[in-house]
C-alpha atoms as a PDB file:
ATOM      1  CA  UNK A   1       0.000   0.000   0.000  1.00  0.00           C
ATOM      2  CA  UNK A   2       1.335   3.406  -0.950  1.00  0.00           C
ATOM      3  CA  UNK A   3       0.529   6.669   0.788  1.00  0.00           C
ATOM      4  CA  UNK A   4       0.826   9.982  -0.948  1.00  0.00           C
ATOM      5  CA  UNK A   5       1.450  13.002   1.183  1.00  0.00           C
ATOM      6  CA  UNK A   6       1.417  16.565   0.079  1.00  0.00           C
ATOM      7  CA  UNK A   7       2.523  19.662   1.858  1.00  0.00           C
ATOM      8  CA  UNK A   8      -0.186  22.227   2.385  1.00  0.00           C
ATOM      9  CA  UNK A   9       0.753  25.871   2.452  1.00  0.00           C
ATOM     10  CA  UNK A  10      -1.219  28.008   4.830  1.00  0.00           C
ATOM     11  CA  UNK A  11      -2.477  31.264   3.417  1.00  0.00           C
ATOM     12  CA  UNK A  12      -2.997  32.639   6.909  1.00  0.00           C
ATOM     13  CA  UNK A  13      -0.184  34.780   8.323  1.00  0.00           C
ATOM     14  CA  UNK A  14       1.486  33.329  11.386  1.00  0.00           C
ATOM     15  CA  UNK A  15       2.587  36.639  12.861  1.00  0.00           C
ATOM     16  CA  UNK A  16       1.603  40.287  12.836  1.00  0.00           C
ATOM     17  CA  UNK A  17       4.715  40.997  10.789  1.00  0.00           C
ATOM     18  CA  UNK A  18       3.555  38.614   8.063  1.00  0.00           C
ATOM     19  CA  UNK A  19       0.109  40.216   8.099  1.00  0.00           C
ATOM     20  CA  UNK A  20       1.571  43.692   7.705  1.00  0.00           C
ATOM     21  CA  UNK A  21       3.827  42.505   4.888  1.00  0.00           C
ATOM     22  CA  UNK A  22       0.859  40.877   3.141  1.00  0.00           C
ATOM     23  CA  UNK A  23      -1.202  44.055   3.428  1.00  0.00           C
ATOM     24  CA  UNK A  24       1.685  46.201   2.204  1.00  0.00           C
ATOM     25  CA  UNK A  25       1.856  44.020  -0.889  1.00  0.00           C
ATOM     26  CA  UNK A  26      -1.712  44.812  -1.989  1.00  0.00           C
ATOM     27  CA  UNK A  27      -1.564  46.786  -5.254  1.00  0.00           C
ATOM     28  CA  UNK A  28      -2.906  50.333  -4.994  1.00  0.00           C
ATOM     29  CA  UNK A  29      -5.433  49.543  -7.748  1.00  0.00           C
ATOM     30  CA  UNK A  30      -7.124  47.114  -5.338  1.00  0.00           C
ATOM     31  CA  UNK A  31      -7.056  49.364  -2.299  1.00  0.00           C
ATOM     32  CA  UNK A  32     -10.153  51.288  -1.275  1.00  0.00           C
ATOM     33  CA  UNK A  33     -10.329  54.961  -1.994  1.00  0.00           C
ATOM     34  CA  UNK A  34     -10.781  57.410   0.864  1.00  0.00           C
ATOM     35  CA  UNK A  35     -14.489  57.890   0.322  1.00  0.00           C
ATOM     36  CA  UNK A  36     -16.618  59.722   2.875  1.00  0.00           C
ATOM     37  CA  UNK A  37     -18.621  57.518   5.209  1.00  0.00           C
ATOM     38  CA  UNK A  38     -22.318  57.233   4.384  1.00  0.00           C
ATOM     39  CA  UNK A  39     -24.508  59.434   6.500  1.00  0.00           C
ATOM     40  CA  UNK A  40     -26.425  57.758   9.276  1.00  0.00           C
ATOM     41  CA  UNK A  41     -29.893  56.744   8.092  1.00  0.00           C
ATOM     42  CA  UNK A  42     -31.319  55.002  11.141  1.00  0.00           C
ATOM     43  CA  UNK A  43     -31.680  56.802  14.456  1.00  0.00           C
ATOM     44  CA  UNK A  44     -29.068  55.857  17.069  1.00  0.00           C
ATOM     45  CA  UNK A  45     -29.937  52.819  19.161  1.00  0.00           C
ATOM     46  CA  UNK A  46     -31.036  53.576  22.695  1.00  0.00           C
ATOM     47  CA  UNK A  47     -31.871  51.422  25.694  1.00  0.00           C
ATOM     48  CA  UNK A  48     -35.419  51.683  26.921  1.00  0.00           C
ATOM     49  CA  UNK A  49     -37.362  49.937  29.688  1.00  0.00           C
ATOM     50  CA  UNK A  50     -38.388  47.102  27.355  1.00  0.00           C
ATOM     51  CA  UNK A  51     -34.729  46.370  26.520  1.00  0.00           C
ATOM     52  CA  UNK A  52     -33.756  46.427  30.175  1.00  0.00           C
ATOM     53  CA  UNK A  53     -36.583  44.040  31.061  1.00  0.00           C
ATOM     54  CA  UNK A  54     -35.205  41.452  28.623  1.00  0.00           C
ATOM     55  CA  UNK A  55     -31.909  41.223  30.512  1.00  0.00           C
ATOM     56  CA  UNK A  56     -33.093  42.058  34.022  1.00  0.00           C
ATOM     57  CA  UNK A  57     -32.497  38.533  35.388  1.00  0.00           C
ATOM     58  CA  UNK A  58     -29.494  37.690  33.207  1.00  0.00           C
ATOM     59  CA  UNK A  59     -27.177  37.409  36.226  1.00  0.00           C
ATOM     60  CA  UNK A  60     -29.309  34.537  37.533  1.00  0.00           C
ATOM     61  CA  UNK A  61     -28.474  32.491  34.431  1.00  0.00           C
ATOM     62  CA  UNK A  62     -24.776  33.264  34.241  1.00  0.00           C
END
């Protein structure tokens, strides 16, 4: 019986240095332009009494 093994190369960086080097190698044609952020459409999320009631007894379960 014959076994065939192959080496697999990981595409994930193993260190922050490798990640930075990978990012630095991205061609400028593929990099995002500095476009303005879209304006906020939805109102900001706020906590009301109904939200608080949903987690009122959370400590009992944790």
